[in-house]
Amino acid sequence: MRLSRRGKITLRAVVALILAFIYIPLLVIVVEAFNSSRILKWPPPGFTLSWFGKAFESESAREALLTSIEAGLAAMLIAVVLGTLISLAVGRRSFFGRDSISFLVVLPIALPGIVTGVALSNTFTQVLGVSLSLMTVIIGHATFCIVVVYNNVVARLRRTSGSFEEASADLGADPWQTFRWVTFPALRSALGAGALLAFALSFDEIIVTNFTIGAGEETLPIWIYHNLFRPKELPVVPAVAVILIVLSIIPVYLAHRLSSDDAGLTPGRGAAAGDGSTAGPATIAETEAAAAH
């Protein structure tokens, strides 16, 4: 579809307004991180890098960062394993209730975070009698991180022909060999992108975390929220927020790179065929060699 000159100018203006609406508030935080005053005011009276040094010196901020990384990595691993297994069942098998299972898997990410947080907190403390801790945070994060991995992997499976797996079985490979040499190479980039997005989602989560974390423990988003109301730490908060933004951008950028071009999650029809035709002969040859052993 070709747009007129006026249409192109209008479209660019709309895109610019949308991007400004999204990113100007983040730019304000970045500028405030260099504010030389202990009081947050706009415009800043001067600029300094000292708050970043104080952020790295803050023991509570470092501990919160490590807690966020631990929770993100653990939730990501759980999501990768369970999300992949569910997607393989839904994407490669036909059975009664398949669509219902797919809906139930995706539902948690659509629910309000406060509802999920209250439900998990009550289940842990009242039904199971489990004390809130980092483990309950990880389980809580995994409930919605699974959705990201599942969506990526099941989308890739729907774009990948099952004929290669059938050929692998015909050549004598067992299910594990077929997964190792045929299925996994086709899903590798989708799994990587899903895992990175799951980590980013867990790393930034605050609502579910607030309801499932134990006493005396903080993730980095919780640390930022609590210190917004402490005048002594207030100037450090924007600096920590900028660090959090940078750390969040990295996995999202890597996931975007994995999901782009021919190796991505959303290739065109030609690219999807290219993936299959490129990977097919190699994986079948490897399957033959594995079956020969």
Protein backbone atom coordinates (compact mmCIF):
# COMPACT_ATOMS: atom_id res chain seq x y z
CA MET A 1 0.00 0.00 0.00
CA ARG A 2 1.37 3.40 -1.02
CA LEU A 3 0.64 6.47 1.05
CA SER A 4 0.36 9.98 -0.25
CA ARG A 5 2.84 12.62 0.91
CA ARG A 6 0.28 13.97 3.39
CA GLY A 7 -0.41 10.43 4.63
CA LYS A 8 3.30 9.79 5.21
CA ILE A 9 3.71 13.05 7.13
CA THR A 10 0.64 12.27 9.25
CA LEU A 11 1.83 8.74 9.99
CA ARG A 12 5.30 9.99 11.01
CA ALA A 13 3.76 12.64 13.25
CA VAL A 14 1.52 10.07 14.97
CA VAL A 15 4.46 7.70 15.50
CA ALA A 16 6.55 10.55 16.91
CA LEU A 17 3.77 11.51 19.33
CA ILE A 18 3.36 7.92 20.51
CA LEU A 19 7.11 7.51 21.07
CA ALA A 20 7.25 10.85 22.90
CA PHE A 21 4.33 9.78 25.10
CA ILE A 22 6.20 6.58 26.02
CA TYR A 23 9.77 7.80 26.38
CA ILE A 24 9.65 11.41 27.63
CA PRO A 25 8.82 10.26 31.22
CA LEU A 26 11.83 7.92 31.07
CA LEU A 27 13.97 10.80 29.84
CA VAL A 28 12.84 12.86 32.84
CA ILE A 29 14.03 10.09 35.20
CA VAL A 30 17.38 9.92 33.40
CA VAL A 31 17.88 13.68 33.75
CA GLU A 32 16.89 13.58 37.44
CA ALA A 33 19.50 10.90 38.04
CA PHE A 34 22.18 13.53 37.35
CA ASN A 35 20.51 16.19 39.51
CA SER A 36 23.07 17.93 41.77
CA SER A 37 20.44 18.80 44.39
CA ARG A 38 19.22 16.50 47.15
CA ILE A 39 15.70 17.70 46.35
CA LEU A 40 14.08 16.52 43.14
CA LYS A 41 12.95 19.57 41.23
CA TRP A 42 12.59 20.53 37.62
CA PRO A 43 14.67 21.77 35.94
CA PRO A 44 17.69 20.53 37.91
CA PRO A 45 19.94 23.33 39.24
CA GLY A 46 23.03 21.39 38.16
CA PHE A 47 24.35 18.00 37.19
CA THR A 48 26.54 15.44 38.94
CA LEU A 49 27.51 11.76 38.75
CA SER A 50 27.77 11.37 42.52
CA TRP A 51 24.39 9.67 42.96
CA PHE A 52 25.49 6.73 40.81
CA GLY A 53 28.47 6.22 43.11
CA LYS A 54 26.18 6.28 46.13
CA ALA A 55 23.85 3.83 44.41
CA PHE A 56 26.67 1.32 43.93
CA GLU A 57 27.85 1.91 47.51
CA SER A 58 24.38 1.21 48.92
CA GLU A 59 24.45 -2.28 50.43
CA SER A 60 20.66 -2.54 50.48
CA ALA A 61 20.47 -1.65 46.76
CA ARG A 62 23.12 -4.24 45.88
CA GLU A 63 21.31 -6.93 47.88
CA ALA A 64 18.02 -6.00 46.21
CA LEU A 65 19.71 -6.24 42.80
CA LEU A 66 21.07 -9.72 43.57
CA THR A 67 17.64 -10.81 44.82
CA SER A 68 16.03 -9.59 41.60
CA ILE A 69 18.62 -11.45 39.50
CA GLU A 70 18.16 -14.66 41.51
CA ALA A 71 14.38 -14.49 41.25
CA GLY A 72 14.53 -13.65 37.54
CA LEU A 73 16.89 -16.47 36.65
CA ALA A 74 14.99 -19.08 38.68
CA ALA A 75 11.60 -17.99 37.32
CA MET A 76 13.07 -17.99 33.81
CA LEU A 77 14.33 -21.58 34.15
CA ILE A 78 10.98 -22.80 35.46
CA ALA A 79 9.17 -20.96 32.68
CA VAL A 80 11.45 -22.39 29.98
CA VAL A 81 10.96 -25.97 31.14
CA LEU A 82 7.20 -25.84 31.76
CA GLY A 83 6.42 -23.47 28.89
CA THR A 84 8.31 -25.67 26.42
CA LEU A 85 6.62 -28.86 27.61
CA ILE A 86 3.15 -27.32 27.38
CA SER A 87 3.85 -25.82 23.96
CA LEU A 88 5.09 -29.17 22.64
CA ALA A 89 1.91 -30.84 23.88
CA VAL A 90 -0.38 -28.18 22.43
CA GLY A 91 1.58 -27.54 19.25
CA ARG A 92 2.33 -31.12 18.26
CA ARG A 93 -0.59 -33.15 19.65
CA SER A 94 -4.33 -33.21 19.02
CA PHE A 95 -6.48 -34.05 22.04
CA PHE A 96 -9.73 -33.08 23.70
CA GLY A 97 -9.50 -29.75 25.53
CA ARG A 98 -6.36 -28.53 23.77
CA ASP A 99 -7.78 -25.06 23.10
CA SER A 100 -8.99 -24.80 26.70
CA ILE A 101 -5.53 -25.64 28.01
CA SER A 102 -3.99 -23.04 25.71
CA PHE A 103 -6.43 -20.43 27.04
CA LEU A 104 -5.75 -21.35 30.68
CA VAL A 105 -1.98 -21.13 30.15
CA VAL A 106 -2.22 -17.63 28.64
CA LEU A 107 -4.81 -16.32 31.13
CA PRO A 108 -2.46 -15.45 34.06
CA ILE A 109 -0.71 -12.67 32.14
CA ALA A 110 -4.08 -11.02 31.41
CA LEU A 111 -5.23 -11.02 35.05
CA PRO A 112 -4.62 -7.89 37.16
CA GLY A 113 -1.36 -8.27 39.06
CA ILE A 114 -3.01 -7.45 42.37
CA VAL A 115 -5.49 -10.30 41.89
CA THR A 116 -2.68 -12.75 41.14
CA GLY A 117 -0.66 -11.45 44.10
CA VAL A 118 -3.52 -11.75 46.61
CA ALA A 119 -4.45 -15.21 45.32
CA LEU A 120 -0.88 -16.48 45.60
CA SER A 121 -0.32 -14.92 49.01
CA ASN A 122 -3.48 -16.46 50.44
CA THR A 123 -2.69 -19.84 48.90
CA PHE A 124 0.83 -19.89 50.32
CA THR A 125 0.08 -18.60 53.81
CA GLN A 126 -3.46 -19.85 54.53
CA VAL A 127 -3.94 -22.98 52.43
CA LEU A 128 -0.43 -24.44 52.27
CA GLY A 129 0.92 -22.90 55.46
CA VAL A 130 4.13 -21.84 53.72
CA SER A 131 6.06 -18.79 54.90
CA LEU A 132 6.64 -16.10 52.29
CA SER A 133 10.21 -16.05 50.99
CA LEU A 134 12.27 -15.75 47.82
CA MET A 135 10.94 -19.15 46.74
CA THR A 136 7.34 -17.95 46.84
CA VAL A 137 8.38 -14.93 44.77
CA ILE A 138 9.97 -17.24 42.18
CA ILE A 139 6.85 -19.41 41.99
CA GLY A 140 4.67 -16.31 41.68
CA HIS A 141 6.79 -14.91 38.85
CA ALA A 142 6.90 -18.26 37.05
CA THR A 143 3.08 -18.29 36.78
CA PHE A 144 3.13 -15.44 34.27
CA CYS A 145 6.64 -15.94 32.83
CA ILE A 146 5.46 -19.31 31.47
CA VAL A 147 3.09 -17.43 29.19
CA VAL A 148 5.93 -15.59 27.42
CA VAL A 149 7.89 -18.77 26.73
CA TYR A 150 4.76 -20.68 25.74
CA ASN A 151 3.63 -18.03 23.25
CA ASN A 152 7.05 -17.85 21.58
CA VAL A 153 7.59 -21.59 21.34
CA VAL A 154 4.07 -22.52 20.23
CA ALA A 155 4.23 -19.80 17.55
CA ARG A 156 7.47 -21.30 16.25
CA LEU A 157 6.01 -24.83 16.29
CA ARG A 158 3.05 -23.66 14.21
CA ARG A 159 5.49 -22.27 11.63
CA THR A 160 7.64 -25.41 11.59
CA SER A 161 6.58 -28.49 9.69
CA GLY A 162 6.27 -31.69 11.69
CA SER A 163 7.51 -33.71 8.71
CA PHE A 164 11.12 -33.49 9.91
CA GLU A 165 10.18 -35.06 13.24
CA GLU A 166 8.24 -37.77 11.43
CA ALA A 167 11.25 -38.42 9.18
CA SER A 168 13.44 -38.64 12.26
CA ALA A 169 11.15 -41.29 13.77
CA ASP A 170 11.07 -43.20 10.47
CA LEU A 171 14.87 -43.25 10.48
CA GLY A 172 14.86 -44.97 13.88
CA ALA A 173 15.55 -42.10 16.25
CA ASP A 174 13.91 -42.23 19.66
CA PRO A 175 11.90 -39.23 20.97
CA TRP A 176 14.89 -37.77 22.84
CA GLN A 177 17.14 -37.97 19.75
CA THR A 178 14.39 -36.37 17.66
CA PHE A 179 14.04 -33.53 20.15
CA ARG A 180 17.80 -33.05 20.38
CA TRP A 181 18.62 -33.06 16.69
CA VAL A 182 15.39 -31.89 15.03
CA THR A 183 12.96 -30.10 17.35
CA PHE A 184 15.37 -28.17 19.56
CA PRO A 185 17.40 -26.58 16.69
CA ALA A 186 14.14 -25.31 15.20
CA LEU A 187 13.03 -23.88 18.56
CA ARG A 188 16.40 -22.58 19.77
CA SER A 189 15.95 -18.89 18.91
CA ALA A 190 12.32 -18.90 20.10
CA LEU A 191 13.40 -20.44 23.41
CA GLY A 192 16.20 -17.91 23.78
CA ALA A 193 13.93 -14.95 23.10
CA GLY A 194 11.22 -16.32 25.40
CA ALA A 195 13.73 -16.91 28.20
CA LEU A 196 15.14 -13.37 27.93
CA LEU A 197 11.68 -11.82 27.92
CA ALA A 198 10.65 -13.97 30.90
CA PHE A 199 13.72 -12.77 32.82
CA ALA A 200 12.97 -9.14 31.98
CA LEU A 201 9.33 -9.57 33.03
CA SER A 202 10.35 -11.12 36.35
CA PHE A 203 13.13 -8.60 36.97
CA ASP A 204 10.74 -5.64 36.69
CA GLU A 205 7.73 -7.13 38.51
CA ILE A 206 6.56 -5.29 41.62
CA ILE A 207 2.87 -6.03 42.31
CA VAL A 208 3.01 -9.83 42.59
CA THR A 209 6.39 -9.51 44.31
CA ASN A 210 4.95 -7.22 46.97
CA PHE A 211 2.38 -9.88 47.95
CA THR A 212 4.68 -12.90 47.85
CA ILE A 213 8.00 -11.68 49.26
CA GLY A 214 9.05 -12.44 52.82
CA ALA A 215 9.82 -9.98 55.58
CA GLY A 216 13.26 -8.38 55.34
CA GLU A 217 13.67 -9.20 51.63
CA GLU A 218 13.52 -6.77 48.73
CA THR A 219 13.87 -6.92 44.99
CA LEU A 220 15.19 -3.85 43.18
CA PRO A 221 11.73 -2.55 42.12
CA ILE A 222 10.52 -2.96 45.72
CA TRP A 223 13.64 -1.14 46.95
CA ILE A 224 12.91 1.78 44.61
CA TYR A 225 9.29 1.95 45.74
CA HIS A 226 10.16 1.93 49.44
CA ASN A 227 12.94 4.53 49.16
CA LEU A 228 10.76 7.00 47.28
CA PHE A 229 9.37 7.94 50.71
CA ARG A 230 12.74 8.19 52.48
CA PRO A 231 14.28 11.69 52.10
CA LYS A 232 17.79 10.38 52.79
CA GLU A 233 17.67 7.95 49.86
CA LEU A 234 15.45 10.01 47.55
CA PRO A 235 18.27 11.45 45.36
CA VAL A 236 19.69 7.95 44.82
CA VAL A 237 16.38 6.53 43.57
CA PRO A 238 16.56 8.04 40.05
CA ALA A 239 20.11 6.74 39.66
CA VAL A 240 19.01 3.24 40.66
CA ALA A 241 16.02 3.59 38.32
CA VAL A 242 18.36 4.38 35.42
CA ILE A 243 20.45 1.30 36.26
CA LEU A 244 17.24 -0.74 36.32
CA ILE A 245 16.23 0.66 32.92
CA VAL A 246 19.60 -0.31 31.43
CA LEU A 247 19.46 -3.80 32.92
CA SER A 248 15.92 -4.25 31.58
CA ILE A 249 16.84 -3.05 28.09
CA ILE A 250 19.61 -5.65 27.66
CA PRO A 251 17.44 -8.84 27.69
CA VAL A 252 14.69 -7.14 25.68
CA TYR A 253 17.20 -6.02 23.05
CA LEU A 254 18.75 -9.49 22.85
CA ALA A 255 15.29 -11.05 22.57
CA HIS A 256 14.46 -8.62 19.77
CA ARG A 257 17.66 -9.59 17.96
CA LEU A 258 16.81 -13.26 18.30
CA SER A 259 13.29 -12.67 17.05
CA SER A 260 14.35 -10.72 13.96
CA ASP A 261 15.07 -11.84 10.40
CA ASP A 262 15.10 -15.53 9.48
CA ALA A 263 15.98 -16.80 12.94
CA GLY A 264 13.19 -14.95 14.69
CA LEU A 265 9.82 -15.62 16.21
CA THR A 266 7.79 -13.87 13.56
CA PRO A 267 9.33 -14.62 10.18
CA GLY A 268 7.35 -14.21 7.01
CA ARG A 269 6.09 -17.14 5.05
CA GLY A 270 9.25 -17.25 2.95
CA ALA A 271 11.52 -16.94 5.97
CA ALA A 272 9.74 -19.75 7.75
CA ALA A 273 10.20 -21.97 4.76
CA GLY A 274 13.82 -20.92 4.63
CA ASP A 275 14.29 -21.99 8.23
CA GLY A 276 12.87 -25.40 7.47
CA SER A 277 14.75 -25.95 4.25
CA THR A 278 18.00 -24.82 5.79
CA ALA A 279 17.74 -26.81 9.01
CA GLY A 280 16.05 -29.85 7.55
CA PRO A 281 18.85 -31.68 5.73
CA ALA A 282 21.34 -31.10 8.52
CA THR A 283 19.04 -32.32 11.24
CA ILE A 284 17.94 -35.36 9.27
CA ALA A 285 21.55 -36.27 8.54
CA GLU A 286 22.36 -35.97 12.22
CA THR A 287 19.35 -38.13 13.03
CA GLU A 288 20.57 -40.79 10.61
CA ALA A 289 23.96 -40.78 12.29
CA ALA A 290 22.36 -40.98 15.73
CA ALA A 291 20.06 -43.80 14.65
CA ALA A 292 23.01 -45.70 13.16
CA HIS A 293 24.62 -45.80 16.60
